[in-house]
PDB file of N, CA and C in Angstrom:
ATOM      1  N   MET A   1      47.395  26.394-113.567  1.00  0.00           N
ATOM      2  CA  MET A   1      47.379  27.846-113.395  1.00  0.00           C
ATOM      3  C   MET A   1      45.928  28.333-113.316  1.00  0.00           C
ATOM      4  N   GLN A   2      45.678  29.227-112.397  1.00  0.00           N
ATOM      5  CA  GLN A   2      44.340  29.771-112.178  1.00  0.00           C
ATOM      6  C   GLN A   2      43.976  30.756-113.289  1.00  0.00           C
ATOM      7  N   THR A   3      42.765  30.653-113.824  1.00  0.00           N
ATOM      8  CA  THR A   3      42.297  31.593-114.841  1.00  0.00           C
ATOM      9  C   THR A   3      41.791  32.871-114.176  1.00  0.00           C
ATOM     10  N   SER A   4      41.633  33.920-114.976  1.00  0.00           N
ATOM     11  CA  SER A   4      41.060  35.165-114.453  1.00  0.00           C
ATOM     12  C   SER A   4      39.663  34.915-113.909  1.00  0.00           C
ATOM     13  N   ARG A   5      38.898  34.098-114.600  1.00  0.00           N
ATOM     14  CA  ARG A   5      37.537  33.775-114.137  1.00  0.00           C
ATOM     15  C   ARG A   5      37.583  33.120-112.757  1.00  0.00           C
ATOM     16  N   ASP A   6      38.477  32.146-112.569  1.00  0.00           N
ATOM     17  CA  ASP A   6      38.609  31.472-111.273  1.00  0.00           C
ATOM     18  C   ASP A   6      39.031  32.457-110.183  1.00  0.00           C
ATOM     19  N   LEU A   7      39.994  33.304-110.513  1.00  0.00           N
ATOM     20  CA  LEU A   7      40.483  34.308-109.570  1.00  0.00           C
ATOM     21  C   LEU A   7      39.336  35.219-109.127  1.00  0.00           C
ATOM     22  N   LEU A   8      38.582  35.733-110.092  1.00  0.00           N
ATOM     23  CA  LEU A   8      37.508  36.669-109.782  1.00  0.00           C
ATOM     24  C   LEU A   8      36.363  35.985-109.041  1.00  0.00           C
ATOM     25  N   ALA A   9      36.010  34.766-109.426  1.00  0.00           N
ATOM     26  CA  ALA A   9      34.964  34.026-108.711  1.00  0.00           C
ATOM     27  C   ALA A   9      35.366  33.820-107.252  1.00  0.00           C
ATOM     28  N   SER A  10      36.627  33.520-107.029  1.00  0.00           N
ATOM     29  CA  SER A  10      37.130  33.359-105.666  1.00  0.00           C
ATOM     30  C   SER A  10      37.047  34.672-104.889  1.00  0.00           C
ATOM     31  N   ALA A  11      37.365  35.778-105.542  1.00  0.00           N
ATOM     32  CA  ALA A  11      37.302  37.086-104.887  1.00  0.00           C
ATOM     33  C   ALA A  11      35.871  37.387-104.420  1.00  0.00           C
ATOM     34  N   TYR A  12      34.880  37.094-105.258  1.00  0.00           N
ATOM     35  CA  TYR A  12      33.484  37.328-104.860  1.00  0.00           C
ATOM     36  C   TYR A  12      33.101  36.461-103.663  1.00  0.00           C
ATOM     37  N   LYS A  13      33.540  35.207-103.655  1.00  0.00           N
ATOM     38  CA  LYS A  13      33.226  34.324-102.517  1.00  0.00           C
ATOM     39  C   LYS A  13      33.816  34.878-101.226  1.00  0.00           C
ATOM     40  N   HIS A  14      35.067  35.328-101.275  1.00  0.00           N
ATOM     41  CA  HIS A  14      35.702  35.898-100.079  1.00  0.00           C
ATOM     42  C   HIS A  14      35.004  37.186 -99.650  1.00  0.00           C
ATOM     43  N   PHE A  15      34.659  38.050-100.621  1.00  0.00           N
ATOM     44  CA  PHE A  15      33.987  39.306-100.297  1.00  0.00           C
ATOM     45  C   PHE A  15      32.654  39.030 -99.602  1.00  0.00           C
ATOM     46  N   ASN A  16      31.853  38.144-100.171  1.00  0.00           N
ATOM     47  CA  ASN A  16      30.531  37.854 -99.594  1.00  0.00           C
ATOM     48  C   ASN A  16      30.637  37.199 -98.224  1.00  0.00           C
ATOM     49  N   ALA A  17      31.755  36.538 -97.949  1.00  0.00           N
ATOM     50  CA  ALA A  17      31.994  35.928 -96.637  1.00  0.00           C
ATOM     51  C   ALA A  17      32.634  36.928 -95.665  1.00  0.00           C
ATOM     52  N   ARG A  18      32.874  38.160 -96.125  1.00  0.00           N
ATOM     53  CA  ARG A  18      33.528  39.221 -95.335  1.00  0.00           C
ATOM     54  C   ARG A  18      34.946  38.827 -94.932  1.00  0.00           C
ATOM     55  N   ASP A  19      35.599  38.087 -95.811  1.00  0.00           N
ATOM     56  CA  ASP A  19      36.984  37.650 -95.617  1.00  0.00           C
ATOM     57  C   ASP A  19      37.899  38.630 -96.347  1.00  0.00           C
ATOM     58  N   ILE A  20      38.178  39.755 -95.693  1.00  0.00           N
ATOM     59  CA  ILE A  20      38.986  40.798 -96.326  1.00  0.00           C
ATOM     60  C   ILE A  20      40.356  40.261 -96.722  1.00  0.00           C
ATOM     61  N   ASP A  21      41.024  39.551 -95.831  1.00  0.00           N
ATOM     62  CA  ASP A  21      42.359  39.034 -96.157  1.00  0.00           C
ATOM     63  C   ASP A  21      42.310  38.085 -97.344  1.00  0.00           C
ATOM     64  N   GLY A  22      41.256  37.274 -97.425  1.00  0.00           N
ATOM     65  CA  GLY A  22      41.112  36.365 -98.558  1.00  0.00           C
ATOM     66  C   GLY A  22      41.048  37.104 -99.878  1.00  0.00           C
ATOM     67  N   VAL A  23      40.324  38.218 -99.917  1.00  0.00           N
ATOM     68  CA  VAL A  23      40.245  39.013-101.150  1.00  0.00           C
ATOM     69  C   VAL A  23      41.569  39.741-101.400  1.00  0.00           C
ATOM     70  N   LEU A  24      42.116  40.355-100.370  1.00  0.00           N
ATOM     71  CA  LEU A  24      43.360  41.108-100.554  1.00  0.00           C
ATOM     72  C   LEU A  24      44.491  40.220-101.056  1.00  0.00           C
ATOM     73  N   ASN A  25      44.490  38.954-100.671  1.00  0.00           N
ATOM     74  CA  ASN A  25      45.518  38.030-101.156  1.00  0.00           C
ATOM     75  C   ASN A  25      45.420  37.799-102.660  1.00  0.00           C
ATOM     76  N   LEU A  26      44.284  38.149-103.256  1.00  0.00           N
ATOM     77  CA  LEU A  26      44.077  37.991-104.692  1.00  0.00           C
ATOM     78  C   LEU A  26      44.334  39.288-105.454  1.00  0.00           C
ATOM     79  N   MET A  27      44.726  40.332-104.729  1.00  0.00           N
ATOM     80  CA  MET A  27      44.920  41.661-105.320  1.00  0.00           C
ATOM     81  C   MET A  27      46.389  42.061-105.348  1.00  0.00           C
ATOM     82  N   HIS A  28      46.715  42.812-106.388  1.00  0.00           N
ATOM     83  CA  HIS A  28      48.032  43.426-106.491  1.00  0.00           C
ATOM     84  C   HIS A  28      48.232  44.338-105.285  1.00  0.00           C
ATOM     85  N   ARG A  29      49.433  44.430-104.822  1.00  0.00           N
ATOM     86  CA  ARG A  29      49.739  45.262-103.644  1.00  0.00           C
ATOM     87  C   ARG A  29      49.288  46.718-103.821  1.00  0.00           C
ATOM     88  N   ASP A  30      49.361  47.220-105.063  1.00  0.00           N
ATOM     89  CA  ASP A  30      48.965  48.601-105.358  1.00  0.00           C
ATOM     90  C   ASP A  30      47.628  48.642-106.112  1.00  0.00           C
ATOM     91  N   VAL A  31      46.711  47.771-105.749  1.00  0.00           N
ATOM     92  CA  VAL A  31      45.413  47.697-106.423  1.00  0.00           C
ATOM     93  C   VAL A  31      44.734  49.073-106.456  1.00  0.00           C
ATOM     94  N   ASP A  32      44.010  49.313-107.540  1.00  0.00           N
ATOM     95  CA  ASP A  32      43.240  50.543-107.733  1.00  0.00           C
ATOM     96  C   ASP A  32      41.768  50.143-107.714  1.00  0.00           C
ATOM     97  N   TRP A  33      41.043  50.603-106.678  1.00  0.00           N
ATOM     98  CA  TRP A  33      39.693  50.104-106.401  1.00  0.00           C
ATOM     99  C   TRP A  33      38.706  51.249-106.244  1.00  0.00           C
ATOM    100  N   PRO A  34      37.484  51.124-106.774  1.00  0.00           N
ATOM    101  CA  PRO A  34      36.504  52.201-106.621  1.00  0.00           C
ATOM    102  C   PRO A  34      35.957  52.283-105.189  1.00  0.00           C
ATOM    103  N   ASN A  35      35.933  53.479-104.666  1.00  0.00           N
ATOM    104  CA  ASN A  35      35.297  53.758-103.378  1.00  0.00           C
ATOM    105  C   ASN A  35      34.025  54.530-103.726  1.00  0.00           C
ATOM    106  N   LEU A  36      32.934  53.793-103.840  1.00  0.00           N
ATOM    107  CA  LEU A  36      31.678  54.405-104.280  1.00  0.00           C
ATOM    108  C   LEU A  36      31.001  55.220-103.191  1.00  0.00           C
ATOM    109  N   MET A  37      31.329  54.955-101.935  1.00  0.00           N
ATOM    110  CA  MET A  37      30.714  55.723-100.836  1.00  0.00           C
ATOM    111  C   MET A  37      31.177  57.175-100.864  1.00  0.00           C
ATOM    112  N   GLU A  38      32.433  57.403-101.238  1.00  0.00           N
ATOM    113  CA  GLU A  38      32.992  58.750-101.208  1.00  0.00           C
ATOM    114  C   GLU A  38      33.380  59.259-102.598  1.00  0.00           C
ATOM    115  N   ASN A  39      32.950  58.510-103.613  1.00  0.00           N
ATOM    116  CA  ASN A  39      33.179  58.896-105.002  1.00  0.00           C
ATOM    117  C   ASN A  39      34.650  59.187-105.292  1.00  0.00           C
ATOM    118  N   CYS A  40      35.502  58.237-104.899  1.00  0.00           N
ATOM    119  CA  CYS A  40      36.938  58.366-105.161  1.00  0.00           C
ATOM    120  C   CYS A  40      37.505  56.970-105.376  1.00  0.00           C
ATOM    121  N   ARG A  41      38.804  56.828-105.355  1.00  0.00           N
ATOM    122  CA  ARG A  41      39.457  55.537-105.550  1.00  0.00           C
ATOM    123  C   ARG A  41      40.252  55.176-104.302  1.00  0.00           C
ATOM    124  N   ALA A  42      40.286  53.891-103.993  1.00  0.00           N
ATOM    125  CA  ALA A  42      41.140  53.372-102.924  1.00  0.00           C
ATOM    126  C   ALA A  42      42.355  52.743-103.606  1.00  0.00           C
ATOM    127  N   HIS A  43      43.542  53.027-103.061  1.00  0.00           N
ATOM    128  CA  HIS A  43      44.783  52.516-103.658  1.00  0.00           C
ATOM    129  C   HIS A  43      45.531  51.694-102.623  1.00  0.00           C
ATOM    130  N   GLY A  44      45.793  50.455-102.966  1.00  0.00           N
ATOM    131  CA  GLY A  44      46.563  49.587-102.083  1.00  0.00           C
ATOM    132  C   GLY A  44      45.701  48.866-101.072  1.00  0.00           C
ATOM    133  N   HIS A  45      46.282  47.836-100.492  1.00  0.00           N
ATOM    134  CA  HIS A  45      45.560  46.977 -99.556  1.00  0.00           C
ATOM    135  C   HIS A  45      45.000  47.731 -98.352  1.00  0.00           C
ATOM    136  N   ALA A  46      45.782  48.623 -97.763  1.00  0.00           N
ATOM    137  CA  ALA A  46      45.332  49.317 -96.550  1.00  0.00           C
ATOM    138  C   ALA A  46      44.092  50.169 -96.830  1.00  0.00           C
ATOM    139  N   GLU A  47      44.083  50.880 -97.942  1.00  0.00           N
ATOM    140  CA  GLU A  47      42.925  51.726 -98.260  1.00  0.00           C
ATOM    141  C   GLU A  47      41.698  50.892 -98.603  1.00  0.00           C
ATOM    142  N   VAL A  48      41.885  49.778 -99.308  1.00  0.00           N
ATOM    143  CA  VAL A  48      40.746  48.910 -99.620  1.00  0.00           C
ATOM    144  C   VAL A  48      40.195  48.301 -98.334  1.00  0.00           C
ATOM    145  N   ARG A  49      41.072  47.847 -97.439  1.00  0.00           N
ATOM    146  CA  ARG A  49      40.631  47.293 -96.152  1.00  0.00           C
ATOM    147  C   ARG A  49      39.827  48.337 -95.366  1.00  0.00           C
ATOM    148  N   ASP A  50      40.338  49.544 -95.316  1.00  0.00           N
ATOM    149  CA  ASP A  50      39.652  50.618 -94.587  1.00  0.00           C
ATOM    150  C   ASP A  50      38.278  50.908 -95.208  1.00  0.00           C
ATOM    151  N   TYR A  51      38.231  50.981 -96.526  1.00  0.00           N
ATOM    152  CA  TYR A  51      36.974  51.249 -97.231  1.00  0.00           C
ATOM    153  C   TYR A  51      35.944  50.160 -96.927  1.00  0.00           C
ATOM    154  N   TRP A  52      36.326  48.895 -97.074  1.00  0.00           N
ATOM    155  CA  TRP A  52      35.373  47.815 -96.830  1.00  0.00           C
ATOM    156  C   TRP A  52      34.955  47.751 -95.370  1.00  0.00           C
ATOM    157  N   THR A  53      35.868  48.005 -94.459  1.00  0.00           N
ATOM    158  CA  THR A  53      35.521  47.988 -93.032  1.00  0.00           C
ATOM    159  C   THR A  53      34.456  49.043 -92.742  1.00  0.00           C
ATOM    160  N   ARG A  54      34.636  50.242 -93.297  1.00  0.00           N
ATOM    161  CA  ARG A  54      33.644  51.304 -93.105  1.00  0.00           C
ATOM    162  C   ARG A  54      32.329  50.971 -93.817  1.00  0.00           C
ATOM    163  N   GLN A  55      32.414  50.423 -95.021  1.00  0.00           N
ATOM    164  CA  GLN A  55      31.225  50.063 -95.789  1.00  0.00           C
ATOM    165  C   GLN A  55      30.394  49.023 -95.042  1.00  0.00           C
ATOM    166  N   TRP A  56      31.043  47.986 -94.535  1.00  0.00           N
ATOM    167  CA  TRP A  56      30.324  46.900 -93.864  1.00  0.00           C
ATOM    168  C   TRP A  56      29.791  47.315 -92.498  1.00  0.00           C
ATOM    169  N   ALA A  57      30.258  48.423 -91.965  1.00  0.00           N
ATOM    170  CA  ALA A  57      29.704  48.938 -90.709  1.00  0.00           C
ATOM    171  C   ALA A  57      28.374  49.664 -90.953  1.00  0.00           C
ATOM    172  N   ILE A  58      28.077  49.952 -92.229  1.00  0.00           N
ATOM    173  CA  ILE A  58      26.866  50.692 -92.592  1.00  0.00           C
ATOM    174  C   ILE A  58      25.910  49.851 -93.432  1.00  0.00           C
ATOM    175  N   PHE A  59      26.471  49.071 -94.356  1.00  0.00           N
ATOM    176  CA  PHE A  59      25.685  48.313 -95.330  1.00  0.00           C
ATOM    177  C   PHE A  59      26.037  46.835 -95.273  1.00  0.00           C
ATOM    178  N   ASP A  60      25.120  46.024 -95.810  1.00  0.00           N
ATOM    179  CA  ASP A  60      25.339  44.591 -95.955  1.00  0.00           C
ATOM    180  C   ASP A  60      25.204  44.240 -97.436  1.00  0.00           C
ATOM    181  N   PRO A  61      26.294  44.389 -98.205  1.00  0.00           N
ATOM    182  CA  PRO A  61      26.220  44.105 -99.634  1.00  0.00           C
ATOM    183  C   PRO A  61      26.480  42.627 -99.941  1.00  0.00           C
ATOM    184  N   HIS A  62      25.837  42.146-100.982  1.00  0.00           N
ATOM    185  CA  HIS A  62      26.101  40.809-101.515  1.00  0.00           C
ATOM    186  C   HIS A  62      26.178  40.951-103.029  1.00  0.00           C
ATOM    187  N   VAL A  63      27.248  40.447-103.611  1.00  0.00           N
ATOM    188  CA  VAL A  63      27.465  40.556-105.053  1.00  0.00           C
ATOM    189  C   VAL A  63      27.691  39.159-105.620  1.00  0.00           C
ATOM    190  N   GLU A  64      26.820  38.777-106.538  1.00  0.00           N
ATOM    191  CA  GLU A  64      26.868  37.433-107.105  1.00  0.00           C
ATOM    192  C   GLU A  64      27.153  37.522-108.609  1.00  0.00           C
ATOM    193  N   PRO A  65      28.313  37.023-109.044  1.00  0.00           N
ATOM    194  CA  PRO A  65      28.614  37.066-110.480  1.00  0.00           C
ATOM    195  C   PRO A  65      27.698  36.118-111.249  1.00  0.00           C
ATOM    196  N   THR A  66      27.196  36.589-112.393  1.00  0.00           N
ATOM    197  CA  THR A  66      26.329  35.755-113.227  1.00  0.00           C
ATOM    198  C   THR A  66      26.968  35.419-114.567  1.00  0.00           C
ATOM    199  N   ASP A  67      27.972  36.189-114.990  1.00  0.00           N
ATOM    200  CA  ASP A  67      28.636  35.933-116.273  1.00  0.00           C
ATOM    201  C   ASP A  67      29.974  36.653-116.291  1.00  0.00           C
ATOM    202  N   PHE A  68      30.923  36.087-117.001  1.00  0.00           N
ATOM    203  CA  PHE A  68      32.262  36.650-117.159  1.00  0.00           C
ATOM    204  C   PHE A  68      32.507  36.802-118.653  1.00  0.00           C
ATOM    205  N   THR A  69      32.842  38.026-119.088  1.00  0.00           N
ATOM    206  CA  THR A  69      33.023  38.298-120.508  1.00  0.00           C
ATOM    207  C   THR A  69      34.379  38.961-120.754  1.00  0.00           C
ATOM    208  N   PRO A  70      35.213  38.363-121.608  1.00  0.00           N
ATOM    209  CA  PRO A  70      36.480  39.015-121.942  1.00  0.00           C
ATOM    210  C   PRO A  70      36.224  40.308-122.720  1.00  0.00           C
ATOM    211  N   GLU A  71      36.969  41.349-122.387  1.00  0.00           N
ATOM    212  CA  GLU A  71      36.883  42.629-123.090  1.00  0.00           C
ATOM    213  C   GLU A  71      37.963  42.662-124.173  1.00  0.00           C
ATOM    214  N   PRO A  72      37.771  43.444-125.229  1.00  0.00           N
ATOM    215  CA  PRO A  72      38.786  43.532-126.291  1.00  0.00           C
ATOM    216  C   PRO A  72      40.160  44.001-125.792  1.00  0.00           C
ATOM    217  N   ASP A  73      40.186  44.792-124.706  1.00  0.00           N
ATOM    218  CA  ASP A  73      41.461  45.317-124.200  1.00  0.00           C
ATOM    219  C   ASP A  73      42.132  44.370-123.198  1.00  0.00           C
ATOM    220  N   GLY A  74      41.574  43.158-123.036  1.00  0.00           N
ATOM    221  CA  GLY A  74      42.185  42.181-122.136  1.00  0.00           C
ATOM    222  C   GLY A  74      41.593  42.151-120.736  1.00  0.00           C
ATOM    223  N   ARG A  75      40.770  43.134-120.402  1.00  0.00           N
ATOM    224  CA  ARG A  75      40.121  43.117-119.100  1.00  0.00           C
ATOM    225  C   ARG A  75      38.967  42.110-119.117  1.00  0.00           C
ATOM    226  N   THR A  76      38.382  41.871-117.959  1.00  0.00           N
ATOM    227  CA  THR A  76      37.247  40.959-117.846  1.00  0.00           C
ATOM    228  C   THR A  76      36.072  41.713-117.249  1.00  0.00           C
ATOM    229  N   ALA A  77      34.938  41.675-117.943  1.00  0.00           N
ATOM    230  CA  ALA A  77      33.701  42.264-117.430  1.00  0.00           C
ATOM    231  C   ALA A  77      32.925  41.157-116.724  1.00  0.00           C
ATOM    232  N   VAL A  78      32.534  41.427-115.491  1.00  0.00           N
ATOM    233  CA  VAL A  78      31.756  40.469-114.715  1.00  0.00           C
ATOM    234  C   VAL A  78      30.370  41.068-114.513  1.00  0.00           C
ATOM    235  N   HIS A  79      29.360  40.349-114.975  1.00  0.00           N
ATOM    236  CA  HIS A  79      27.983  40.772-114.780  1.00  0.00           C
ATOM    237  C   HIS A  79      27.581  40.290-113.392  1.00  0.00           C
ATOM    238  N   VAL A  80      27.095  41.230-112.587  1.00  0.00           N
ATOM    239  CA  VAL A  80      26.917  40.973-111.159  1.00  0.00           C
ATOM    240  C   VAL A  80      25.509  41.354-110.707  1.00  0.00           C
ATOM    241  N   HIS A  81      24.886  40.451-109.957  1.00  0.00           N
ATOM    242  CA  HIS A  81      23.637  40.788-109.277  1.00  0.00           C
ATOM    243  C   HIS A  81      24.027  41.343-107.906  1.00  0.00           C
ATOM    244  N   GLN A  82      23.756  42.613-107.708  1.00  0.00           N
ATOM    245  CA  GLN A  82      24.150  43.325-106.485  1.00  0.00           C
ATOM    246  C   GLN A  82      22.907  43.581-105.635  1.00  0.00           C
ATOM    247  N   VAL A  83      22.953  43.089-104.395  1.00  0.00           N
ATOM    248  CA  VAL A  83      21.868  43.302-103.444  1.00  0.00           C
ATOM    249  C   VAL A  83      22.482  43.913-102.192  1.00  0.00           C
ATOM    250  N   VAL A  84      21.949  45.055-101.777  1.00  0.00           N
ATOM    251  CA  VAL A  84      22.475  45.752-100.609  1.00  0.00           C
ATOM    252  C   VAL A  84      21.337  46.015 -99.633  1.00  0.00           C
ATOM    253  N   HIS A  85      21.561  45.626 -98.385  1.00  0.00           N
ATOM    254  CA  HIS A  85      20.619  45.898 -97.296  1.00  0.00           C
ATOM    255  C   HIS A  85      21.286  46.829 -96.292  1.00  0.00           C
ATOM    256  N   ASP A  86      20.479  47.549 -95.521  1.00  0.00           N
ATOM    257  CA  ASP A  86      21.065  48.238 -94.382  1.00  0.00           C
ATOM    258  C   ASP A  86      21.244  47.199 -93.273  1.00  0.00           C
ATOM    259  N   LEU A  87      21.813  47.596 -92.161  1.00  0.00           N
ATOM    260  CA  LEU A  87      22.118  46.631 -91.105  1.00  0.00           C
ATOM    261  C   LEU A  87      20.875  46.123 -90.383  1.00  0.00           C
ATOM    262  N   ASN A  88      19.728  46.758 -90.628  1.00  0.00           N
ATOM    263  CA  ASN A  88      18.463  46.279 -90.067  1.00  0.00           C
ATOM    264  C   ASN A  88      17.732  45.348 -91.030  1.00  0.00           C
ATOM    265  N   GLY A  89      18.334  45.103 -92.201  1.00  0.00           N
ATOM    266  CA  GLY A  89      17.740  44.189 -93.169  1.00  0.00           C
ATOM    267  C   GLY A  89      16.881  44.835 -94.229  1.00  0.00           C
ATOM    268  N   LYS A  90      16.754  46.164 -94.198  1.00  0.00           N
ATOM    269  CA  LYS A  90      15.947  46.855 -95.207  1.00  0.00           C
ATOM    270  C   LYS A  90      16.679  46.844 -96.548  1.00  0.00           C
ATOM    271  N   LEU A  91      15.984  46.430 -97.602  1.00  0.00           N
ATOM    272  CA  LEU A  91      16.563  46.391 -98.937  1.00  0.00           C
ATOM    273  C   LEU A  91      16.799  47.808 -99.452  1.00  0.00           C
ATOM    274  N   LEU A  92      18.025  48.093 -99.856  1.00  0.00           N
ATOM    275  CA  LEU A  92      18.387  49.398-100.398  1.00  0.00           C
ATOM    276  C   LEU A  92      18.617  49.350-101.912  1.00  0.00           C
ATOM    277  N   VAL A  93      19.237  48.265-102.384  1.00  0.00           N
ATOM    278  CA  VAL A  93      19.595  48.138-103.795  1.00  0.00           C
ATOM    279  C   VAL A  93      19.405  46.687-104.212  1.00  0.00           C
ATOM    280  N   ASP A  94      18.818  46.495-105.389  1.00  0.00           N
ATOM    281  CA  ASP A  94      18.723  45.178-106.016  1.00  0.00           C
ATOM    282  C   ASP A  94      18.829  45.437-107.514  1.00  0.00           C
ATOM    283  N   GLN A  95      20.035  45.240-108.062  1.00  0.00           N
ATOM    284  CA  GLN A  95      20.267  45.616-109.451  1.00  0.00           C
ATOM    285  C   GLN A  95      21.393  44.788-110.067  1.00  0.00           C
ATOM    286  N   MET A  96      21.448  44.858-111.375  1.00  0.00           N
ATOM    287  CA  MET A  96      22.554  44.263-112.121  1.00  0.00           C
ATOM    288  C   MET A  96      23.561  45.372-112.431  1.00  0.00           C
ATOM    289  N   VAL A  97      24.841  45.062-112.257  1.00  0.00           N
ATOM    290  CA  VAL A  97      25.923  45.977-112.601  1.00  0.00           C
ATOM    291  C   VAL A  97      27.014  45.175-113.295  1.00  0.00           C
ATOM    292  N   GLN A  98      27.975  45.888-113.844  1.00  0.00           N
ATOM    293  CA  GLN A  98      29.175  45.249-114.384  1.00  0.00           C
ATOM    294  C   GLN A  98      30.369  45.728-113.591  1.00  0.00           C
ATOM    295  N   HIS A  99      31.212  44.788-113.210  1.00  0.00           N
ATOM    296  CA  HIS A  99      32.507  45.082-112.623  1.00  0.00           C
ATOM    297  C   HIS A  99      33.544  44.710-113.673  1.00  0.00           C
ATOM    298  N   VAL A 100      34.419  45.642-113.998  1.00  0.00           N
ATOM    299  CA  VAL A 100      35.410  45.401-115.044  1.00  0.00           C
ATOM    300  C   VAL A 100      36.789  45.378-114.400  1.00  0.00           C
ATOM    301  N   TYR A 101      37.473  44.241-114.560  1.00  0.00           N
ATOM    302  CA  TYR A 101      38.745  43.988-113.880  1.00  0.00           C
ATOM    303  C   TYR A 101      39.913  43.935-114.844  1.00  0.00           C
ATOM    304  N   LEU A 102      41.028  44.468-114.366  1.00  0.00           N
ATOM    305  CA  LEU A 102      42.312  44.250-115.003  1.00  0.00           C
ATOM    306  C   LEU A 102      43.071  43.288-114.103  1.00  0.00           C
ATOM    307  N   VAL A 103      43.450  42.148-114.660  1.00  0.00           N
ATOM    308  CA  VAL A 103      44.231  41.156-113.929  1.00  0.00           C
ATOM    309  C   VAL A 103      45.628  41.156-114.530  1.00  0.00           C
ATOM    310  N   GLN A 104      46.642  41.324-113.680  1.00  0.00           N
ATOM    311  CA  GLN A 104      48.043  41.306-114.111  1.00  0.00           C
ATOM    312  C   GLN A 104      48.820  40.348-113.222  1.00  0.00           C
ATOM    313  N   ASP A 105      49.608  39.510-113.847  1.00  0.00           N
ATOM    314  CA  ASP A 105      50.454  38.565-113.110  1.00  0.00           C
ATOM    315  C   ASP A 105      49.656  37.734-112.114  1.00  0.00           C
ATOM    316  N   GLY A 106      48.430  37.361-112.494  1.00  0.00           N
ATOM    317  CA  GLY A 106      47.609  36.502-111.659  1.00  0.00           C
ATOM    318  C   GLY A 106      46.945  37.182-110.479  1.00  0.00           C
ATOM    319  N   LEU A 107      46.982  38.527-110.444  1.00  0.00           N
ATOM    320  CA  LEU A 107      46.381  39.287-109.346  1.00  0.00           C
ATOM    321  C   LEU A 107      45.485  40.396-109.903  1.00  0.00           C
ATOM    322  N   ILE A 108      44.470  40.767-109.134  1.00  0.00           N
ATOM    323  CA  ILE A 108      43.591  41.867-109.524  1.00  0.00           C
ATOM    324  C   ILE A 108      44.363  43.170-109.385  1.00  0.00           C
ATOM    325  N   ARG A 109      44.483  43.898-110.490  1.00  0.00           N
ATOM    326  CA  ARG A 109      45.220  45.170-110.505  1.00  0.00           C
ATOM    327  C   ARG A 109      44.291  46.363-110.335  1.00  0.00           C
ATOM    328  N   SER A 110      43.085  46.273-110.955  1.00  0.00           N
ATOM    329  CA  SER A 110      42.132  47.367-110.826  1.00  0.00           C
ATOM    330  C   SER A 110      40.718  46.868-111.140  1.00  0.00           C
ATOM    331  N   MET A 111      39.749  47.670-110.701  1.00  0.00           N
ATOM    332  CA  MET A 111      38.341  47.372-110.970  1.00  0.00           C
ATOM    333  C   MET A 111      37.603  48.687-111.164  1.00  0.00           C
ATOM    334  N   GLU A 112      36.638  48.650-112.074  1.00  0.00           N
ATOM    335  CA  GLU A 112      35.718  49.773-112.233  1.00  0.00           C
ATOM    336  C   GLU A 112      34.306  49.224-112.271  1.00  0.00           C
ATOM    337  N   VAL A 113      33.341  50.052-111.919  1.00  0.00           N
ATOM    338  CA  VAL A 113      31.935  49.652-111.924  1.00  0.00           C
ATOM    339  C   VAL A 113      31.262  50.361-113.076  1.00  0.00           C
ATOM    340  N   ARG A 114      30.534  49.571-113.856  1.00  0.00           N
ATOM    341  CA  ARG A 114      29.742  50.112-114.962  1.00  0.00           C
ATOM    342  C   ARG A 114      28.273  49.851-114.687  1.00  0.00           C
ATOM    343  N   ASP A 115      27.456  50.755-115.162  1.00  0.00           N
ATOM    344  CA  ASP A 115      26.006  50.535-115.182  1.00  0.00           C
ATOM    345  C   ASP A 115      25.746  49.280-116.012  1.00  0.00           C
ATOM    346  N   HIS A 116      24.738  48.530-115.682  1.00  0.00           N
ATOM    347  CA  HIS A 116      24.449  47.290-116.400  1.00  0.00           C
ATOM    348  C   HIS A 116      24.140  47.494-117.878  1.00  0.00           C
ATOM    349  N   THR A 117      23.785  48.704-118.277  1.00  0.00           N
ATOM    350  CA  THR A 117      23.454  48.970-119.677  1.00  0.00           C
ATOM    351  C   THR A 117      24.695  49.292-120.490  1.00  0.00           C
ATOM    352  N   ALA A 118      25.863  49.368-119.872  1.00  0.00           N
ATOM    353  CA  ALA A 118      27.078  49.777-120.585  1.00  0.00           C
ATOM    354  C   ALA A 118      27.825  48.561-121.125  1.00  0.00           C
ATOM    355  N   SER A 119      27.168  47.709-121.868  1.00  0.00           N
ATOM    356  CA  SER A 119      27.856  46.526-122.389  1.00  0.00           C
ATOM    357  C   SER A 119      28.501  46.796-123.717  1.00  0.00           C
TER     358      SER A 119
END
């Protein structure tokens, strides 16, 4: 059986490879996902696909997990090195953040982004 850590590590690999279907296959059908471009939430596979398609048309993000920490409430906090370039290669963001996941029934149910200082 796949662990939450394995599931999430796989999701990052698919995301960085721009394999939307690969990531969506690891998500609950009604996933709740942060849409940071428009300061709202994306719900379900179609909205997440649309969000990432629009995001990747503007930015080139790369997110590399550096640590996985179980939270007291059962979620998993992933410490992530986030690097974002524009499509011309100009560096826009280079920072550490936390992504906090709820995994249910072996699938990603939701994610939130925390500032790296919110441990």
